[in-house]
């Protein structure tokens, strides 16, 4: 149910982005930008989970959305950032736990290890 909800949010955000008449090139380029936070996993699962989660919660794009009232150029960034989060969650990539990359609040990613 959570993945379906995330997919609906993603569709709504793509429609909203379309209504802003912003560049689709910007959309494509920024769509995967939050995944740069995975570089924290190079220093271990604890830091990796923290950095990943920091860039994959809706709080930051909502703050960016609020700031867009004063800096309108932030609106497309906020929409794409939220769309990235929704896309990840629709695919089953949830917020990470510190024990392993594949352990998320939406369940285990991939095939379970035997």
PDB file of N, CA and C in Angstrom:
ATOM      1  N   UNK A   1       0.822  -1.188   0.000  1.00  0.00           N
ATOM      2  CA  UNK A   1       0.000   0.000   0.000  1.00  0.00           C
ATOM      3  C   UNK A   1       0.877   1.268   0.000  1.00  0.00           C
ATOM      4  N   UNK A   2       1.975   1.245   0.764  1.00  0.00           N
ATOM      5  CA  UNK A   2       2.858   2.413   0.809  1.00  0.00           C
ATOM      6  C   UNK A   2       3.529   2.669  -0.541  1.00  0.00           C
ATOM      7  N   UNK A   3       3.841   1.605  -1.250  1.00  0.00           N
ATOM      8  CA  UNK A   3       4.465   1.774  -2.565  1.00  0.00           C
ATOM      9  C   UNK A   3       3.466   2.337  -3.569  1.00  0.00           C
ATOM     10  N   UNK A   4       2.223   1.931  -3.493  1.00  0.00           N
ATOM     11  CA  UNK A   4       1.180   2.482  -4.371  1.00  0.00           C
ATOM     12  C   UNK A   4       0.978   3.964  -4.059  1.00  0.00           C
ATOM     13  N   UNK A   5       0.927   4.283  -2.789  1.00  0.00           N
ATOM     14  CA  UNK A   5       0.788   5.678  -2.378  1.00  0.00           C
ATOM     15  C   UNK A   5       1.942   6.517  -2.924  1.00  0.00           C
ATOM     16  N   UNK A   6       3.162   6.005  -2.828  1.00  0.00           N
ATOM     17  CA  UNK A   6       4.333   6.730  -3.329  1.00  0.00           C
ATOM     18  C   UNK A   6       4.242   6.929  -4.841  1.00  0.00           C
ATOM     19  N   UNK A   7       3.734   5.932  -5.552  1.00  0.00           N
ATOM     20  CA  UNK A   7       3.573   6.057  -7.003  1.00  0.00           C
ATOM     21  C   UNK A   7       2.574   7.157  -7.349  1.00  0.00           C
ATOM     22  N   UNK A   8       1.490   7.229  -6.605  1.00  0.00           N
ATOM     23  CA  UNK A   8       0.484   8.280  -6.825  1.00  0.00           C
ATOM     24  C   UNK A   8       1.102   9.654  -6.566  1.00  0.00           C
ATOM     25  N   UNK A   9       1.896   9.766  -5.510  1.00  0.00           N
ATOM     26  CA  UNK A   9       2.590  11.031  -5.212  1.00  0.00           C
ATOM     27  C   UNK A   9       3.532  11.376  -6.361  1.00  0.00           C
ATOM     28  N   UNK A  10       4.265  10.394  -6.866  1.00  0.00           N
ATOM     29  CA  UNK A  10       5.174  10.632  -7.986  1.00  0.00           C
ATOM     30  C   UNK A  10       4.430  11.162  -9.204  1.00  0.00           C
ATOM     31  N   UNK A  11       3.317  10.546  -9.551  1.00  0.00           N
ATOM     32  CA  UNK A  11       2.528  10.998 -10.705  1.00  0.00           C
ATOM     33  C   UNK A  11       2.049  12.433 -10.481  1.00  0.00           C
ATOM     34  N   UNK A  12       1.584  12.733  -9.282  1.00  0.00           N
ATOM     35  CA  UNK A  12       1.120  14.090  -8.978  1.00  0.00           C
ATOM     36  C   UNK A  12       2.259  15.103  -9.085  1.00  0.00           C
ATOM     37  N   UNK A  13       3.439  14.737  -8.617  1.00  0.00           N
ATOM     38  CA  UNK A  13       4.581  15.659  -8.692  1.00  0.00           C
ATOM     39  C   UNK A  13       5.050  15.875 -10.123  1.00  0.00           C
ATOM     40  N   UNK A  14       5.011  14.832 -10.942  1.00  0.00           N
ATOM     41  CA  UNK A  14       5.369  14.997 -12.355  1.00  0.00           C
ATOM     42  C   UNK A  14       4.360  15.913 -13.036  1.00  0.00           C
ATOM     43  N   UNK A  15       3.084  15.756 -12.725  1.00  0.00           N
ATOM     44  CA  UNK A  15       2.057  16.646 -13.290  1.00  0.00           C
ATOM     45  C   UNK A  15       2.271  18.084 -12.821  1.00  0.00           C
ATOM     46  N   UNK A  16       2.606  18.247 -11.551  1.00  0.00           N
ATOM     47  CA  UNK A  16       2.882  19.588 -11.024  1.00  0.00           C
ATOM     48  C   UNK A  16       4.086  20.202 -11.711  1.00  0.00           C
ATOM     49  N   UNK A  17       5.125  19.396 -11.916  1.00  0.00           N
ATOM     50  CA  UNK A  17       6.314  19.899 -12.610  1.00  0.00           C
ATOM     51  C   UNK A  17       5.948  20.338 -14.022  1.00  0.00           C
ATOM     52  N   UNK A  18       5.137  19.544 -14.702  1.00  0.00           N
ATOM     53  CA  UNK A  18       4.689  19.900 -16.048  1.00  0.00           C
ATOM     54  C   UNK A  18       3.986  21.249 -16.046  1.00  0.00           C
ATOM     55  N   UNK A  19       3.182  21.505 -15.000  1.00  0.00           N
ATOM     56  CA  UNK A  19       2.437  22.774 -14.908  1.00  0.00           C
ATOM     57  C   UNK A  19       3.358  23.974 -14.659  1.00  0.00           C
ATOM     58  N   UNK A  20       4.563  23.744 -14.152  1.00  0.00           N
ATOM     59  CA  UNK A  20       5.491  24.862 -13.899  1.00  0.00           C
ATOM     60  C   UNK A  20       6.184  25.317 -15.179  1.00  0.00           C
ATOM     61  N   UNK A  21       6.096  24.503 -16.237  1.00  0.00           N
ATOM     62  CA  UNK A  21       6.752  24.784 -17.515  1.00  0.00           C
ATOM     63  C   UNK A  21       8.269  24.880 -17.368  1.00  0.00           C
ATOM     64  N   UNK A  22       8.810  24.199 -16.374  1.00  0.00           N
ATOM     65  CA  UNK A  22      10.257  24.172 -16.183  1.00  0.00           C
ATOM     66  C   UNK A  22      10.873  23.185 -17.174  1.00  0.00           C
ATOM     67  N   UNK A  23      12.179  23.232 -17.294  1.00  0.00           N
ATOM     68  CA  UNK A  23      12.910  22.400 -18.241  1.00  0.00           C
ATOM     69  C   UNK A  23      12.881  20.927 -17.839  1.00  0.00           C
ATOM     70  N   UNK A  24      12.550  20.073 -18.802  1.00  0.00           N
ATOM     71  CA  UNK A  24      12.575  18.631 -18.547  1.00  0.00           C
ATOM     72  C   UNK A  24      13.998  18.124 -18.465  1.00  0.00           C
ATOM     73  N   UNK A  25      14.929  18.825 -19.074  1.00  0.00           N
ATOM     74  CA  UNK A  25      16.337  18.463 -18.927  1.00  0.00           C
ATOM     75  C   UNK A  25      16.755  18.620 -17.465  1.00  0.00           C
ATOM     76  N   UNK A  26      16.314  19.695 -16.829  1.00  0.00           N
ATOM     77  CA  UNK A  26      16.588  19.905 -15.410  1.00  0.00           C
ATOM     78  C   UNK A  26      15.975  18.770 -14.591  1.00  0.00           C
ATOM     79  N   UNK A  27      14.764  18.374 -14.942  1.00  0.00           N
ATOM     80  CA  UNK A  27      14.094  17.283 -14.235  1.00  0.00           C
ATOM     81  C   UNK A  27      14.939  16.008 -14.289  1.00  0.00           C
ATOM     82  N   UNK A  28      15.374  15.654 -15.490  1.00  0.00           N
ATOM     83  CA  UNK A  28      16.151  14.418 -15.669  1.00  0.00           C
ATOM     84  C   UNK A  28      17.481  14.494 -14.926  1.00  0.00           C
ATOM     85  N   UNK A  29      18.157  15.636 -15.035  1.00  0.00           N
ATOM     86  CA  UNK A  29      19.465  15.791 -14.389  1.00  0.00           C
ATOM     87  C   UNK A  29      19.336  15.730 -12.870  1.00  0.00           C
ATOM     88  N   UNK A  30      18.325  16.403 -12.317  1.00  0.00           N
ATOM     89  CA  UNK A  30      18.182  16.463 -10.867  1.00  0.00           C
ATOM     90  C   UNK A  30      17.514  15.227 -10.257  1.00  0.00           C
ATOM     91  N   UNK A  31      16.853  14.427 -11.079  1.00  0.00           N
ATOM     92  CA  UNK A  31      16.083  13.308 -10.537  1.00  0.00           C
ATOM     93  C   UNK A  31      16.938  12.336  -9.722  1.00  0.00           C
ATOM     94  N   UNK A  32      18.153  12.093 -10.147  1.00  0.00           N
ATOM     95  CA  UNK A  32      19.001  11.154  -9.421  1.00  0.00           C
ATOM     96  C   UNK A  32      20.003  11.838  -8.490  1.00  0.00           C
ATOM     97  N   UNK A  33      19.993  13.158  -8.446  1.00  0.00           N
ATOM     98  CA  UNK A  33      20.951  13.901  -7.622  1.00  0.00           C
ATOM     99  C   UNK A  33      20.933  13.508  -6.141  1.00  0.00           C
ATOM    100  N   UNK A  34      19.780  13.273  -5.511  1.00  0.00           N
ATOM    101  CA  UNK A  34      19.810  12.913  -4.091  1.00  0.00           C
ATOM    102  C   UNK A  34      20.557  11.612  -3.792  1.00  0.00           C
ATOM    103  N   UNK A  35      20.749  10.767  -4.791  1.00  0.00           N
ATOM    104  CA  UNK A  35      21.463   9.515  -4.555  1.00  0.00           C
ATOM    105  C   UNK A  35      22.955   9.719  -4.336  1.00  0.00           C
ATOM    106  N   UNK A  36      23.447  10.922  -4.565  1.00  0.00           N
ATOM    107  CA  UNK A  36      24.840  11.234  -4.235  1.00  0.00           C
ATOM    108  C   UNK A  36      25.079  11.003  -2.744  1.00  0.00           C
ATOM    109  N   UNK A  37      24.027  11.104  -1.944  1.00  0.00           N
ATOM    110  CA  UNK A  37      24.143  10.897  -0.495  1.00  0.00           C
ATOM    111  C   UNK A  37      24.580   9.477  -0.156  1.00  0.00           C
ATOM    112  N   UNK A  38      24.469   8.547  -1.082  1.00  0.00           N
ATOM    113  CA  UNK A  38      24.901   7.176  -0.815  1.00  0.00           C
ATOM    114  C   UNK A  38      26.408   7.077  -0.650  1.00  0.00           C
ATOM    115  N   UNK A  39      27.132   8.116  -1.015  1.00  0.00           N
ATOM    116  CA  UNK A  39      28.585   8.097  -0.857  1.00  0.00           C
ATOM    117  C   UNK A  39      28.969   7.896   0.620  1.00  0.00           C
ATOM    118  N   UNK A  40      28.065   8.220   1.523  1.00  0.00           N
ATOM    119  CA  UNK A  40      28.308   7.993   2.951  1.00  0.00           C
ATOM    120  C   UNK A  40      28.545   6.535   3.285  1.00  0.00           C
ATOM    121  N   UNK A  41      28.037   5.641   2.452  1.00  0.00           N
ATOM    122  CA  UNK A  41      28.245   4.205   2.689  1.00  0.00           C
ATOM    123  C   UNK A  41      29.708   3.800   2.521  1.00  0.00           C
ATOM    124  N   UNK A  42      30.502   4.646   1.894  1.00  0.00           N
ATOM    125  CA  UNK A  42      31.937   4.362   1.787  1.00  0.00           C
ATOM    126  C   UNK A  42      32.607   4.394   3.163  1.00  0.00           C
ATOM    127  N   UNK A  43      31.979   5.067   4.113  1.00  0.00           N
ATOM    128  CA  UNK A  43      32.516   5.173   5.476  1.00  0.00           C
ATOM    129  C   UNK A  43      31.781   4.255   6.455  1.00  0.00           C
ATOM    130  N   UNK A  44      30.882   3.426   5.960  1.00  0.00           N
ATOM    131  CA  UNK A  44      30.192   2.478   6.817  1.00  0.00           C
ATOM    132  C   UNK A  44      28.684   2.624   6.731  1.00  0.00           C
ATOM    133  N   UNK A  45      27.987   1.596   7.239  1.00  0.00           N
ATOM    134  CA  UNK A  45      26.527   1.595   7.120  1.00  0.00           C
ATOM    135  C   UNK A  45      25.868   2.639   8.008  1.00  0.00           C
ATOM    136  N   UNK A  46      26.464   2.959   9.146  1.00  0.00           N
ATOM    137  CA  UNK A  46      25.853   3.952  10.038  1.00  0.00           C
ATOM    138  C   UNK A  46      25.841   5.338   9.391  1.00  0.00           C
ATOM    139  N   UNK A  47      26.993   5.800   8.916  1.00  0.00           N
ATOM    140  CA  UNK A  47      27.064   7.103   8.252  1.00  0.00           C
ATOM    141  C   UNK A  47      26.294   7.070   6.937  1.00  0.00           C
ATOM    142  N   UNK A  48      26.373   5.947   6.229  1.00  0.00           N
ATOM    143  CA  UNK A  48      25.649   5.818   4.965  1.00  0.00           C
ATOM    144  C   UNK A  48      24.151   5.959   5.149  1.00  0.00           C
ATOM    145  N   UNK A  49      23.620   5.267   6.173  1.00  0.00           N
ATOM    146  CA  UNK A  49      22.179   5.358   6.441  1.00  0.00           C
ATOM    147  C   UNK A  49      21.798   6.773   6.828  1.00  0.00           C
ATOM    148  N   UNK A  50      22.620   7.412   7.652  1.00  0.00           N
ATOM    149  CA  UNK A  50      22.304   8.780   8.086  1.00  0.00           C
ATOM    150  C   UNK A  50      22.292   9.726   6.880  1.00  0.00           C
ATOM    151  N   UNK A  51      23.336   9.667   6.039  1.00  0.00           N
ATOM    152  CA  UNK A  51      23.400  10.598   4.905  1.00  0.00           C
ATOM    153  C   UNK A  51      22.293  10.301   3.889  1.00  0.00           C
ATOM    154  N   UNK A  52      22.038   9.034   3.629  1.00  0.00           N
ATOM    155  CA  UNK A  52      20.967   8.674   2.704  1.00  0.00           C
ATOM    156  C   UNK A  52      19.625   9.195   3.219  1.00  0.00           C
ATOM    157  N   UNK A  53      19.334   8.928   4.477  1.00  0.00           N
ATOM    158  CA  UNK A  53      18.053   9.350   5.056  1.00  0.00           C
ATOM    159  C   UNK A  53      17.907  10.863   5.089  1.00  0.00           C
ATOM    160  N   UNK A  54      19.010  11.573   5.306  1.00  0.00           N
ATOM    161  CA  UNK A  54      18.959  13.041   5.339  1.00  0.00           C
ATOM    162  C   UNK A  54      18.478  13.610   4.007  1.00  0.00           C
ATOM    163  N   UNK A  55      18.820  12.945   2.913  1.00  0.00           N
ATOM    164  CA  UNK A  55      18.424  13.426   1.586  1.00  0.00           C
ATOM    165  C   UNK A  55      17.169  12.739   1.049  1.00  0.00           C
ATOM    166  N   UNK A  56      16.626  11.811   1.831  1.00  0.00           N
ATOM    167  CA  UNK A  56      15.470  11.052   1.355  1.00  0.00           C
ATOM    168  C   UNK A  56      14.267  11.138   2.296  1.00  0.00           C
ATOM    169  N   UNK A  57      14.141  12.259   2.973  1.00  0.00           N
ATOM    170  CA  UNK A  57      12.926  12.541   3.736  1.00  0.00           C
ATOM    171  C   UNK A  57      12.246  13.730   3.079  1.00  0.00           C
ATOM    172  N   UNK A  58      10.949  13.800   3.203  1.00  0.00           N
ATOM    173  CA  UNK A  58      10.201  14.888   2.559  1.00  0.00           C
ATOM    174  C   UNK A  58      10.420  16.239   3.240  1.00  0.00           C
ATOM    175  N   UNK A  59      11.005  16.261   4.429  1.00  0.00           N
ATOM    176  CA  UNK A  59      11.193  17.522   5.157  1.00  0.00           C
ATOM    177  C   UNK A  59      12.022  18.523   4.352  1.00  0.00           C
ATOM    178  N   UNK A  60      13.132  18.083   3.794  1.00  0.00           N
ATOM    179  CA  UNK A  60      14.007  18.999   3.061  1.00  0.00           C
ATOM    180  C   UNK A  60      13.337  19.583   1.810  1.00  0.00           C
ATOM    181  N   UNK A  61      12.680  18.781   0.965  1.00  0.00           N
ATOM    182  CA  UNK A  61      12.006  19.396  -0.182  1.00  0.00           C
ATOM    183  C   UNK A  61      10.862  20.330   0.230  1.00  0.00           C
ATOM    184  N   UNK A  62      10.224  20.053   1.360  1.00  0.00           N
ATOM    185  CA  UNK A  62       9.163  20.954   1.832  1.00  0.00           C
ATOM    186  C   UNK A  62       9.763  22.290   2.256  1.00  0.00           C
ATOM    187  N   UNK A  63      10.919  22.259   2.921  1.00  0.00           N
ATOM    188  CA  UNK A  63      11.614  23.508   3.272  1.00  0.00           C
ATOM    189  C   UNK A  63      12.009  24.239   1.993  1.00  0.00           C
ATOM    190  N   UNK A  64      12.505  23.503   1.015  1.00  0.00           N
ATOM    191  CA  UNK A  64      12.866  24.092  -0.281  1.00  0.00           C
ATOM    192  C   UNK A  64      11.636  24.709  -0.954  1.00  0.00           C
ATOM    193  N   UNK A  65      10.505  24.036  -0.847  1.00  0.00           N
ATOM    194  CA  UNK A  65       9.254  24.558  -1.386  1.00  0.00           C
ATOM    195  C   UNK A  65       8.880  25.871  -0.711  1.00  0.00           C
ATOM    196  N   UNK A  66       8.988  25.926   0.600  1.00  0.00           N
ATOM    197  CA  UNK A  66       8.698  27.167   1.318  1.00  0.00           C
ATOM    198  C   UNK A  66       9.635  28.285   0.910  1.00  0.00           C
ATOM    199  N   UNK A  67      10.906  27.957   0.752  1.00  0.00           N
ATOM    200  CA  UNK A  67      11.889  28.962   0.330  1.00  0.00           C
ATOM    201  C   UNK A  67      11.609  29.453  -1.083  1.00  0.00           C
ATOM    202  N   UNK A  68      10.926  28.633  -1.883  1.00  0.00           N
ATOM    203  CA  UNK A  68      10.621  29.047  -3.262  1.00  0.00           C
ATOM    204  C   UNK A  68       9.642  30.220  -3.315  1.00  0.00           C
ATOM    205  N   UNK A  69       8.982  30.486  -2.200  1.00  0.00           N
ATOM    206  CA  UNK A  69       8.122  31.681  -2.154  1.00  0.00           C
ATOM    207  C   UNK A  69       8.955  32.950  -2.269  1.00  0.00           C
ATOM    208  N   UNK A  70      10.215  32.868  -1.846  1.00  0.00           N
ATOM    209  CA  UNK A  70      11.117  34.018  -1.903  1.00  0.00           C
ATOM    210  C   UNK A  70      12.144  33.891  -3.021  1.00  0.00           C
ATOM    211  N   UNK A  71      12.403  32.673  -3.430  1.00  0.00           N
ATOM    212  CA  UNK A  71      13.335  32.401  -4.517  1.00  0.00           C
ATOM    213  C   UNK A  71      12.656  31.402  -5.457  1.00  0.00           C
ATOM    214  N   UNK A  72      11.853  31.899  -6.409  1.00  0.00           N
ATOM    215  CA  UNK A  72      11.039  31.016  -7.260  1.00  0.00           C
ATOM    216  C   UNK A  72      11.821  29.944  -8.015  1.00  0.00           C
ATOM    217  N   UNK A  73      13.096  30.146  -8.242  1.00  0.00           N
ATOM    218  CA  UNK A  73      13.898  29.160  -8.960  1.00  0.00           C
ATOM    219  C   UNK A  73      14.039  27.859  -8.160  1.00  0.00           C
ATOM    220  N   UNK A  74      13.711  27.894  -6.864  1.00  0.00           N
ATOM    221  CA  UNK A  74      13.779  26.692  -6.041  1.00  0.00           C
ATOM    222  C   UNK A  74      12.576  25.760  -6.229  1.00  0.00           C
ATOM    223  N   UNK A  75      11.498  26.260  -6.804  1.00  0.00           N
ATOM    224  CA  UNK A  75      10.285  25.443  -6.967  1.00  0.00           C
ATOM    225  C   UNK A  75      10.542  24.166  -7.772  1.00  0.00           C
ATOM    226  N   UNK A  76      11.151  24.249  -8.955  1.00  0.00           N
ATOM    227  CA  UNK A  76      11.406  23.001  -9.689  1.00  0.00           C
ATOM    228  C   UNK A  76      12.316  22.041  -8.921  1.00  0.00           C
ATOM    229  N   UNK A  77      13.282  22.573  -8.188  1.00  0.00           N
ATOM    230  CA  UNK A  77      14.184  21.730  -7.405  1.00  0.00           C
ATOM    231  C   UNK A  77      13.411  20.990  -6.326  1.00  0.00           C
ATOM    232  N   UNK A  78      12.519  21.693  -5.637  1.00  0.00           N
ATOM    233  CA  UNK A  78      11.716  21.070  -4.587  1.00  0.00           C
ATOM    234  C   UNK A  78      10.829  19.963  -5.163  1.00  0.00           C
ATOM    235  N   UNK A  79      10.233  20.220  -6.312  1.00  0.00           N
ATOM    236  CA  UNK A  79       9.351  19.226  -6.931  1.00  0.00           C
ATOM    237  C   UNK A  79      10.136  17.990  -7.359  1.00  0.00           C
ATOM    238  N   UNK A  80      11.276  18.200  -8.002  1.00  0.00           N
ATOM    239  CA  UNK A  80      12.081  17.068  -8.467  1.00  0.00           C
ATOM    240  C   UNK A  80      12.614  16.269  -7.275  1.00  0.00           C
ATOM    241  N   UNK A  81      13.047  16.963  -6.232  1.00  0.00           N
ATOM    242  CA  UNK A  81      13.568  16.283  -5.045  1.00  0.00           C
ATOM    243  C   UNK A  81      12.490  15.388  -4.424  1.00  0.00           C
ATOM    244  N   UNK A  82      11.297  15.933  -4.276  1.00  0.00           N
ATOM    245  CA  UNK A  82      10.188  15.149  -3.725  1.00  0.00           C
ATOM    246  C   UNK A  82       9.815  14.005  -4.674  1.00  0.00           C
ATOM    247  N   UNK A  83       9.890  14.251  -5.986  1.00  0.00           N
ATOM    248  CA  UNK A  83       9.595  13.204  -6.962  1.00  0.00           C
ATOM    249  C   UNK A  83      10.609  12.066  -6.855  1.00  0.00           C
ATOM    250  N   UNK A  84      11.866  12.410  -6.617  1.00  0.00           N
ATOM    251  CA  UNK A  84      12.891  11.380  -6.436  1.00  0.00           C
ATOM    252  C   UNK A  84      12.561  10.491  -5.240  1.00  0.00           C
ATOM    253  N   UNK A  85      12.180  11.112  -4.146  1.00  0.00           N
ATOM    254  CA  UNK A  85      11.835  10.355  -2.937  1.00  0.00           C
ATOM    255  C   UNK A  85      10.636   9.445  -3.223  1.00  0.00           C
ATOM    256  N   UNK A  86       9.628   9.999  -3.872  1.00  0.00           N
ATOM    257  CA  UNK A  86       8.435   9.201  -4.198  1.00  0.00           C
ATOM    258  C   UNK A  86       8.792   8.045  -5.132  1.00  0.00           C
ATOM    259  N   UNK A  87       9.656   8.305  -6.108  1.00  0.00           N
ATOM    260  CA  UNK A  87      10.080   7.255  -7.033  1.00  0.00           C
ATOM    261  C   UNK A  87      10.806   6.134  -6.282  1.00  0.00           C
ATOM    262  N   UNK A  88      11.735   6.522  -5.422  1.00  0.00           N
ATOM    263  CA  UNK A  88      12.452   5.515  -4.633  1.00  0.00           C
ATOM    264  C   UNK A  88      11.491   4.674  -3.806  1.00  0.00           C
ATOM    265  N   UNK A  89      10.561   5.314  -3.155  1.00  0.00           N
ATOM    266  CA  UNK A  89       9.631   4.577  -2.292  1.00  0.00           C
ATOM    267  C   UNK A  89       8.684   3.708  -3.111  1.00  0.00           C
ATOM    268  N   UNK A  90       8.294   4.174  -4.285  1.00  0.00           N
ATOM    269  CA  UNK A  90       7.442   3.352  -5.150  1.00  0.00           C
ATOM    270  C   UNK A  90       8.187   2.096  -5.593  1.00  0.00           C
ATOM    271  N   UNK A  91       9.506   2.198  -5.726  1.00  0.00           N
ATOM    272  CA  UNK A  91      10.330   1.053  -6.122  1.00  0.00           C
ATOM    273  C   UNK A  91      10.741   0.189  -4.929  1.00  0.00           C
ATOM    274  N   UNK A  92      10.372   0.612  -3.721  1.00  0.00           N
ATOM    275  CA  UNK A  92      10.684  -0.175  -2.530  1.00  0.00           C
ATOM    276  C   UNK A  92      11.917   0.263  -1.785  1.00  0.00           C
ATOM    277  N   UNK A  93      12.547   1.347  -2.221  1.00  0.00           N
ATOM    278  CA  UNK A  93      13.735   1.863  -1.540  1.00  0.00           C
ATOM    279  C   UNK A  93      13.299   2.869  -0.487  1.00  0.00           C
ATOM    280  N   UNK A  94      13.197   2.395   0.726  1.00  0.00           N
ATOM    281  CA  UNK A  94      12.752   3.254   1.815  1.00  0.00           C
ATOM    282  C   UNK A  94      13.913   3.836   2.591  1.00  0.00           C
ATOM    283  N   UNK A  95      13.603   4.446   3.709  1.00  0.00           N
ATOM    284  CA  UNK A  95      14.629   4.979   4.596  1.00  0.00           C
ATOM    285  C   UNK A  95      15.442   3.819   5.155  1.00  0.00           C
ATOM    286  N   UNK A  96      16.732   4.034   5.285  1.00  0.00           N
ATOM    287  CA  UNK A  96      17.648   2.954   5.630  1.00  0.00           C
ATOM    288  C   UNK A  96      17.829   2.807   7.141  1.00  0.00           C
ATOM    289  N   UNK A  97      17.995   1.551   7.551  1.00  0.00           N
ATOM    290  CA  UNK A  97      18.424   1.250   8.910  1.00  0.00           C
ATOM    291  C   UNK A  97      19.946   1.141   8.896  1.00  0.00           C
ATOM    292  N   UNK A  98      20.563   1.274  10.059  1.00  0.00           N
ATOM    293  CA  UNK A  98      22.023   1.319  10.145  1.00  0.00           C
ATOM    294  C   UNK A  98      22.715  -0.017   9.948  1.00  0.00           C
ATOM    295  N   UNK A  99      21.994  -1.126  10.017  1.00  0.00           N
ATOM    296  CA  UNK A  99      22.651  -2.429   9.954  1.00  0.00           C
ATOM    297  C   UNK A  99      23.025  -2.877   8.541  1.00  0.00           C
ATOM    298  N   UNK A 100      22.261  -2.458   7.527  1.00  0.00           N
ATOM    299  CA  UNK A 100      22.548  -2.877   6.156  1.00  0.00           C
ATOM    300  C   UNK A 100      21.819  -1.968   5.174  1.00  0.00           C
ATOM    301  N   UNK A 101      22.419  -1.758   4.003  1.00  0.00           N
ATOM    302  CA  UNK A 101      21.813  -0.903   2.983  1.00  0.00           C
ATOM    303  C   UNK A 101      20.437  -1.404   2.577  1.00  0.00           C
ATOM    304  N   UNK A 102      20.289  -2.708   2.459  1.00  0.00           N
ATOM    305  CA  UNK A 102      19.039  -3.281   1.991  1.00  0.00           C
ATOM    306  C   UNK A 102      17.932  -3.346   3.026  1.00  0.00           C
ATOM    307  N   UNK A 103      18.205  -2.951   4.259  1.00  0.00           N
ATOM    308  CA  UNK A 103      17.187  -2.986   5.322  1.00  0.00           C
ATOM    309  C   UNK A 103      16.543  -1.606   5.416  1.00  0.00           C
ATOM    310  N   UNK A 104      15.294  -1.509   4.951  1.00  0.00           N
ATOM    311  CA  UNK A 104      14.606  -0.214   4.907  1.00  0.00           C
ATOM    312  C   UNK A 104      13.287  -0.271   5.667  1.00  0.00           C
ATOM    313  N   UNK A 105      12.710   0.898   5.858  1.00  0.00           N
ATOM    314  CA  UNK A 105      11.422   0.950   6.552  1.00  0.00           C
ATOM    315  C   UNK A 105      10.299   0.324   5.724  1.00  0.00           C
ATOM    316  N   UNK A 106      10.562   0.049   4.460  1.00  0.00           N
ATOM    317  CA  UNK A 106       9.576  -0.613   3.606  1.00  0.00           C
ATOM    318  C   UNK A 106       9.836  -2.109   3.496  1.00  0.00           C
ATOM    319  N   UNK A 107      10.869  -2.590   4.160  1.00  0.00           N
ATOM    320  CA  UNK A 107      11.219  -4.008   4.113  1.00  0.00           C
ATOM    321  C   UNK A 107      12.618  -4.219   3.604  1.00  0.00           C
ATOM    322  N   UNK A 108      12.924  -5.445   3.271  1.00  0.00           N
ATOM    323  CA  UNK A 108      14.257  -5.807   2.765  1.00  0.00           C
ATOM    324  C   UNK A 108      14.268  -5.647   1.249  1.00  0.00           C
ATOM    325  N   UNK A 109      15.319  -5.018   0.733  1.00  0.00           N
ATOM    326  CA  UNK A 109      15.490  -4.841  -0.709  1.00  0.00           C
ATOM    327  C   UNK A 109      16.234  -6.059  -1.245  1.00  0.00           C
ATOM    328  N   UNK A 110      15.776  -6.606  -2.341  1.00  0.00           N
ATOM    329  CA  UNK A 110      16.453  -7.713  -2.995  1.00  0.00           C
ATOM    330  C   UNK A 110      16.102  -9.056  -2.384  1.00  0.00           C
ATOM    331  N   UNK A 111      16.861 -10.039  -2.813  1.00  0.00           N
ATOM    332  CA  UNK A 111      16.626 -11.398  -2.338  1.00  0.00           C
ATOM    333  C   UNK A 111      17.252 -11.556  -0.958  1.00  0.00           C
ATOM    334  N   UNK A 112      16.527 -12.196  -0.030  1.00  0.00           N
ATOM    335  CA  UNK A 112      17.101 -12.414   1.293  1.00  0.00           C
ATOM    336  C   UNK A 112      18.301 -13.358   1.225  1.00  0.00           C
ATOM    337  N   UNK A 113      19.312 -13.083   2.069  1.00  0.00           N
ATOM    338  CA  UNK A 113      20.497 -13.949   2.137  1.00  0.00           C
ATOM    339  C   UNK A 113      20.178 -15.179   2.945  1.00  0.00           C
ATOM    340  N   UNK A 114      20.734 -16.299   2.526  1.00  0.00           N
ATOM    341  CA  UNK A 114      20.497 -17.563   3.231  1.00  0.00           C
ATOM    342  C   UNK A 114      21.629 -17.865   4.168  1.00  0.00           C
TER     343      UNK A 114
END
